[in-house]
Structure formats: structure tokens, C-alpha cells
Amino acid sequence: MIPLYYYLIISCILFAVGAIGVMIRKNVIIILISIELMMNAANLALVAFSRHFDMMDGQIIAFLAMTVAAAETAVGLAIIVCIFRDREKLHIDDINILKW
């Protein structure tokens, strides 16, 4: 059996890659993908702890979080498509729709 800390190390690496992607990248789609990567890293840690302590609660919560993330991604991509149709660019600095 693989030790728990291997899963936690992978989860930390995935979360760090996602956080760096959010901070460095300027494309809205890449930022959305990075946020999803961070959420999947948290789900991996939750499932790893759940498996380590022989409880199903963490796996159920991770499954529910994945369904909410799928809905969030669908809404986010719909908003991105609307912005792209209006502005014809997806650079985060050029999108200032909510400003006066």
C-alpha cells in the first residue's frame, strides 16, 4: 500500500502548480483550468485522508465537490464565451466589463 504522505505530496504539488497558474497567466481559460487543478488537489487530499482512516465521508464529499466543480466550469465557460463574443479577446487585463 502506498503511504499517505505520497498522496499529500502530489496534492501539494498540484495545488502549487494551480496557484502559480492563477497568479502568472493572463488568459481567462488558463486561469479557470488552474482553479480546477487546485480544486482537484484538494479533492485528492480529501480522498487520501478518507482512505487512510477507512471512512467514506471524504470520498462522498469529494464526489459532490466534483459535481459542483463541473457545474461551475460550465457556467464559467458560458461567461467566457459571452465575453469573447463581445470583446474578441480573453486577456484578463483587457476585460473590465464590471468597471464603471
C-alpha atoms as a PDB file:
ATOM      1  CA  MET A   1       0.000   0.000   0.000  1.00  0.00           C
ATOM      2  CA  ILE A   2       1.238   3.471  -0.868  1.00  0.00           C
ATOM      3  CA  PRO A   3       1.858   5.693   2.184  1.00  0.00           C
ATOM      4  CA  LEU A   4      -0.380   8.682   2.854  1.00  0.00           C
ATOM      5  CA  TYR A   5       2.354  11.279   2.527  1.00  0.00           C
ATOM      6  CA  TYR A   6       2.949  10.352  -1.137  1.00  0.00           C
ATOM      7  CA  TYR A   7      -0.605  11.389  -1.933  1.00  0.00           C
ATOM      8  CA  LEU A   8      -0.240  14.542   0.135  1.00  0.00           C
ATOM      9  CA  ILE A   9       2.998  15.497  -1.618  1.00  0.00           C
ATOM     10  CA  ILE A  10       1.343  15.059  -5.017  1.00  0.00           C
ATOM     11  CA  SER A  11      -1.630  17.062  -3.802  1.00  0.00           C
ATOM     12  CA  CYS A  12       0.623  19.905  -2.620  1.00  0.00           C
ATOM     13  CA  ILE A  13       2.496  19.931  -5.927  1.00  0.00           C
ATOM     14  CA  LEU A  14      -0.760  20.047  -7.901  1.00  0.00           C
ATOM     15  CA  PHE A  15      -2.106  22.837  -5.713  1.00  0.00           C
ATOM     16  CA  ALA A  16       1.118  24.832  -6.100  1.00  0.00           C
ATOM     17  CA  VAL A  17       1.058  24.431  -9.895  1.00  0.00           C
ATOM     18  CA  GLY A  18      -2.556  25.618  -9.944  1.00  0.00           C
ATOM     19  CA  ALA A  19      -1.802  28.610  -7.707  1.00  0.00           C
ATOM     20  CA  ILE A  20       1.153  29.597  -9.866  1.00  0.00           C
ATOM     21  CA  GLY A  21      -1.043  29.279 -12.959  1.00  0.00           C
ATOM     22  CA  VAL A  22      -3.627  31.625 -11.443  1.00  0.00           C
ATOM     23  CA  MET A  23      -1.020  34.191 -10.449  1.00  0.00           C
ATOM     24  CA  ILE A  24       1.137  34.183 -13.581  1.00  0.00           C
ATOM     25  CA  ARG A  25      -1.162  33.539 -16.539  1.00  0.00           C
ATOM     26  CA  LYS A  26      -3.334  36.230 -18.108  1.00  0.00           C
ATOM     27  CA  ASN A  27      -5.653  34.060 -20.227  1.00  0.00           C
ATOM     28  CA  VAL A  28      -9.060  33.530 -18.623  1.00  0.00           C
ATOM     29  CA  ILE A  29      -9.355  29.913 -19.759  1.00  0.00           C
ATOM     30  CA  ILE A  30      -5.939  29.023 -18.311  1.00  0.00           C
ATOM     31  CA  ILE A  31      -6.935  30.682 -15.030  1.00  0.00           C
ATOM     32  CA  LEU A  32     -10.146  28.628 -14.931  1.00  0.00           C
ATOM     33  CA  ILE A  33      -8.192  25.435 -15.599  1.00  0.00           C
ATOM     34  CA  SER A  34      -5.722  26.347 -12.837  1.00  0.00           C
ATOM     35  CA  ILE A  35      -8.580  26.854 -10.373  1.00  0.00           C
ATOM     36  CA  GLU A  36      -9.948  23.431 -11.307  1.00  0.00           C
ATOM     37  CA  LEU A  37      -6.481  21.938 -10.765  1.00  0.00           C
ATOM     38  CA  MET A  38      -6.356  23.437  -7.281  1.00  0.00           C
ATOM     39  CA  MET A  39      -9.797  22.013  -6.510  1.00  0.00           C
ATOM     40  CA  ASN A  40      -8.724  18.578  -7.727  1.00  0.00           C
ATOM     41  CA  ALA A  41      -5.646  18.766  -5.498  1.00  0.00           C
ATOM     42  CA  ALA A  42      -7.882  19.428  -2.506  1.00  0.00           C
ATOM     43  CA  ASN A  43     -10.123  16.522  -3.535  1.00  0.00           C
ATOM     44  CA  LEU A  44      -7.089  14.235  -3.798  1.00  0.00           C
ATOM     45  CA  ALA A  45      -6.015  15.125  -0.263  1.00  0.00           C
ATOM     46  CA  LEU A  46      -9.570  14.612   0.999  1.00  0.00           C
ATOM     47  CA  VAL A  47      -9.819  11.175  -0.612  1.00  0.00           C
ATOM     48  CA  ALA A  48      -6.348  10.215   0.645  1.00  0.00           C
ATOM     49  CA  PHE A  49      -7.271  11.070   4.231  1.00  0.00           C
ATOM     50  CA  SER A  50     -10.582   9.289   3.816  1.00  0.00           C
ATOM     51  CA  ARG A  51      -8.849   6.148   2.577  1.00  0.00           C
ATOM     52  CA  HIS A  52      -6.201   6.338   5.293  1.00  0.00           C
ATOM     53  CA  PHE A  53      -8.771   6.486   8.088  1.00  0.00           C
ATOM     54  CA  ASP A  54     -11.116   3.949   6.420  1.00  0.00           C
ATOM     55  CA  MET A  55     -14.048   6.330   6.209  1.00  0.00           C
ATOM     56  CA  MET A  56     -16.278   7.023   3.217  1.00  0.00           C
ATOM     57  CA  ASP A  57     -17.201  10.572   4.212  1.00  0.00           C
ATOM     58  CA  GLY A  58     -14.267  12.220   2.442  1.00  0.00           C
ATOM     59  CA  GLN A  59     -14.876  10.298  -0.757  1.00  0.00           C
ATOM     60  CA  ILE A  60     -18.542  11.271  -0.802  1.00  0.00           C
ATOM     61  CA  ILE A  61     -17.718  14.936  -0.193  1.00  0.00           C
ATOM     62  CA  ALA A  62     -15.061  14.823  -2.931  1.00  0.00           C
ATOM     63  CA  PHE A  63     -17.609  13.356  -5.352  1.00  0.00           C
ATOM     64  CA  LEU A  64     -20.085  16.108  -4.515  1.00  0.00           C
ATOM     65  CA  ALA A  65     -17.344  18.726  -4.903  1.00  0.00           C
ATOM     66  CA  MET A  66     -16.513  17.332  -8.339  1.00  0.00           C
ATOM     67  CA  THR A  67     -20.138  17.667  -9.436  1.00  0.00           C
ATOM     68  CA  VAL A  68     -20.251  21.269  -8.189  1.00  0.00           C
ATOM     69  CA  ALA A  69     -16.948  21.937  -9.986  1.00  0.00           C
ATOM     70  CA  ALA A  70     -18.419  20.607 -13.232  1.00  0.00           C
ATOM     71  CA  ALA A  71     -21.368  22.982 -12.903  1.00  0.00           C
ATOM     72  CA  GLU A  72     -19.022  25.847 -12.039  1.00  0.00           C
ATOM     73  CA  THR A  73     -16.910  25.120 -15.093  1.00  0.00           C
ATOM     74  CA  ALA A  74     -19.969  25.066 -17.354  1.00  0.00           C
ATOM     75  CA  VAL A  75     -21.142  28.447 -16.054  1.00  0.00           C
ATOM     76  CA  GLY A  76     -17.630  29.883 -16.208  1.00  0.00           C
ATOM     77  CA  LEU A  77     -17.119  28.755 -19.791  1.00  0.00           C
ATOM     78  CA  ALA A  78     -20.510  30.194 -20.770  1.00  0.00           C
ATOM     79  CA  ILE A  79     -19.488  33.552 -19.307  1.00  0.00           C
ATOM     80  CA  ILE A  80     -16.130  33.354 -21.082  1.00  0.00           C
ATOM     81  CA  VAL A  81     -17.836  32.641 -24.419  1.00  0.00           C
ATOM     82  CA  CYS A  82     -20.130  35.657 -23.931  1.00  0.00           C
ATOM     83  CA  ILE A  83     -17.159  37.879 -23.116  1.00  0.00           C
ATOM     84  CA  PHE A  84     -15.243  36.577 -26.128  1.00  0.00           C
ATOM     85  CA  ARG A  85     -18.189  37.291 -28.434  1.00  0.00           C
ATOM     86  CA  ASP A  86     -18.428  40.819 -27.070  1.00  0.00           C
ATOM     87  CA  ARG A  87     -14.722  41.769 -26.803  1.00  0.00           C
ATOM     88  CA  GLU A  88     -12.998  39.209 -29.103  1.00  0.00           C
ATOM     89  CA  LYS A  89     -10.128  38.742 -26.645  1.00  0.00           C
ATOM     90  CA  LEU A  90      -9.612  36.748 -23.474  1.00  0.00           C
ATOM     91  CA  HIS A  91      -6.733  38.642 -21.877  1.00  0.00           C
ATOM     92  CA  ILE A  92      -7.594  39.300 -18.225  1.00  0.00           C
ATOM     93  CA  ASP A  93      -6.229  42.859 -18.240  1.00  0.00           C
ATOM     94  CA  ASP A  94      -8.424  43.840 -21.199  1.00  0.00           C
ATOM     95  CA  ILE A  95     -11.639  42.538 -19.668  1.00  0.00           C
ATOM     96  CA  ASN A  96     -13.093  45.273 -17.493  1.00  0.00           C
ATOM     97  CA  ILE A  97     -16.808  44.780 -18.034  1.00  0.00           C
ATOM     98  CA  LEU A  98     -17.759  45.315 -14.380  1.00  0.00           C
ATOM     99  CA  LYS A  99     -15.926  48.647 -14.089  1.00  0.00           C
ATOM    100  CA  TRP A 100     -17.804  51.937 -14.449  1.00  0.00           C
END
